[in-house]
Amino acid sequence: MNTFSWFRKIALAEGVSFLVLLLIAMPLKYFAQMPKAVTVVGMLHGILFVLFIILAFEVKGSYQKSFGWFMKSFIASLLPFGTFIMDKQWKAEERLGKE
């Protein structure tokens, strides 16, 4: 499996973990007094976010992407649904990189 493929998989996992953190863990913490949900999901999301940034940097170098591409990817990771929206573009870029 190549770097871009790993990047896309981690990006989707990071996006899911972000939504779980925002839509499930945070309400559990504040409305059901279950702070452990944020602790567990937050840690997982943090690890996935760091992996996402590392792999985005690796893809930038390996596929000669611009700094703008890296920043666009970074911003997508900060927005809910951002990585899902960007995945279509990343899939096309990955396909072009294999040709």
Protein backbone atom coordinates (compact mmCIF):
# COMPACT_ATOMS: atom_id res chain seq x y z
CA MET A 1 0.00 0.00 0.00
CA ASN A 2 1.43 3.40 -0.96
CA THR A 3 1.70 6.55 1.14
CA PHE A 4 -1.25 8.27 -0.53
CA SER A 5 -3.51 5.30 0.16
CA TRP A 6 -2.50 5.31 3.84
CA PHE A 7 -3.05 9.06 3.94
CA ARG A 8 -6.61 8.72 2.61
CA LYS A 9 -7.46 5.94 5.07
CA ILE A 10 -6.10 7.90 8.05
CA ALA A 11 -7.88 11.05 6.79
CA LEU A 12 -11.22 9.25 6.80
CA ALA A 13 -10.56 7.72 10.23
CA GLU A 14 -9.56 11.16 11.54
CA GLY A 15 -12.76 12.65 10.11
CA VAL A 16 -14.91 9.96 11.73
CA SER A 17 -13.14 10.38 15.08
CA PHE A 18 -13.67 14.16 14.91
CA LEU A 19 -17.40 13.71 14.32
CA VAL A 20 -17.66 11.12 17.10
CA LEU A 21 -15.88 13.54 19.42
CA LEU A 22 -18.16 16.45 18.50
CA LEU A 23 -21.49 14.64 18.15
CA ILE A 24 -21.26 11.82 20.70
CA ALA A 25 -18.45 12.26 23.24
CA MET A 26 -18.95 15.98 23.95
CA PRO A 27 -22.72 15.64 24.53
CA LEU A 28 -22.06 12.64 26.78
CA LYS A 29 -19.61 14.72 28.79
CA TYR A 30 -21.85 17.74 29.24
CA PHE A 31 -25.34 16.23 29.27
CA ALA A 32 -24.78 12.78 30.79
CA GLN A 33 -21.80 13.63 33.05
CA MET A 34 -19.58 11.05 31.31
CA PRO A 35 -16.23 12.85 30.86
CA LYS A 36 -14.43 9.57 30.13
CA ALA A 37 -15.98 9.55 26.63
CA VAL A 38 -14.08 12.72 25.71
CA THR A 39 -10.89 11.36 27.27
CA VAL A 40 -10.95 8.17 25.22
CA VAL A 41 -12.25 9.57 21.93
CA GLY A 42 -10.13 12.70 22.30
CA MET A 43 -6.96 10.64 22.70
CA LEU A 44 -7.82 8.52 19.66
CA HIS A 45 -8.64 11.61 17.62
CA GLY A 46 -5.37 13.26 18.68
CA ILE A 47 -3.33 10.25 17.56
CA LEU A 48 -5.16 10.12 14.23
CA PHE A 49 -4.70 13.87 13.74
CA VAL A 50 -0.94 13.60 14.29
CA LEU A 51 -0.76 10.65 11.87
CA PHE A 52 -2.81 12.65 9.36
CA ILE A 53 -0.36 15.58 9.50
CA ILE A 54 2.69 13.31 9.22
CA LEU A 55 1.22 11.46 6.24
CA ALA A 56 0.10 14.71 4.58
CA PHE A 57 3.69 15.92 4.85
CA GLU A 58 4.95 12.60 3.42
CA VAL A 59 2.48 12.78 0.50
CA LYS A 60 3.49 16.40 -0.13
CA GLY A 61 7.11 15.32 -0.53
CA SER A 62 6.59 12.01 -2.33
CA TYR A 63 4.07 13.34 -4.86
CA GLN A 64 5.61 16.83 -5.28
CA LYS A 65 2.52 18.58 -3.89
CA SER A 66 2.62 22.29 -3.12
CA PHE A 67 2.59 23.89 0.31
CA GLY A 68 -0.89 25.13 -0.62
CA TRP A 69 -2.03 21.50 -1.01
CA PHE A 70 -0.66 20.74 2.45
CA MET A 71 -2.43 23.75 3.98
CA LYS A 72 -5.71 22.86 2.24
CA SER A 73 -5.44 19.35 3.68
CA PHE A 74 -4.64 20.76 7.12
CA ILE A 75 -7.66 23.09 7.01
CA ALA A 76 -9.88 20.21 5.87
CA SER A 77 -8.85 18.28 8.98
CA LEU A 78 -10.02 21.15 11.19
CA LEU A 79 -13.51 21.33 9.70
CA PRO A 80 -16.27 18.82 10.37
CA PHE A 81 -16.77 16.77 7.17
CA GLY A 82 -13.68 18.43 5.65
CA THR A 83 -11.76 15.20 5.07
CA PHE A 84 -14.85 13.56 3.55
CA ILE A 85 -15.27 16.42 1.09
CA MET A 86 -11.57 16.40 0.17
CA ASP A 87 -11.46 12.62 -0.30
CA LYS A 88 -12.88 12.85 -3.83
CA GLN A 89 -10.02 15.14 -4.86
CA TRP A 90 -7.45 13.04 -3.03
CA LYS A 91 -8.73 9.88 -4.71
CA ALA A 92 -8.31 11.48 -8.15
CA GLU A 93 -4.82 12.72 -7.22
CA GLU A 94 -3.84 9.28 -5.97
CA ARG A 95 -5.06 7.70 -9.22
CA LEU A 96 -3.03 10.22 -11.27
CA GLY A 97 0.04 9.55 -9.13
CA LYS A 98 -0.09 5.82 -9.94
CA GLU A 99 -0.19 6.37 -13.72
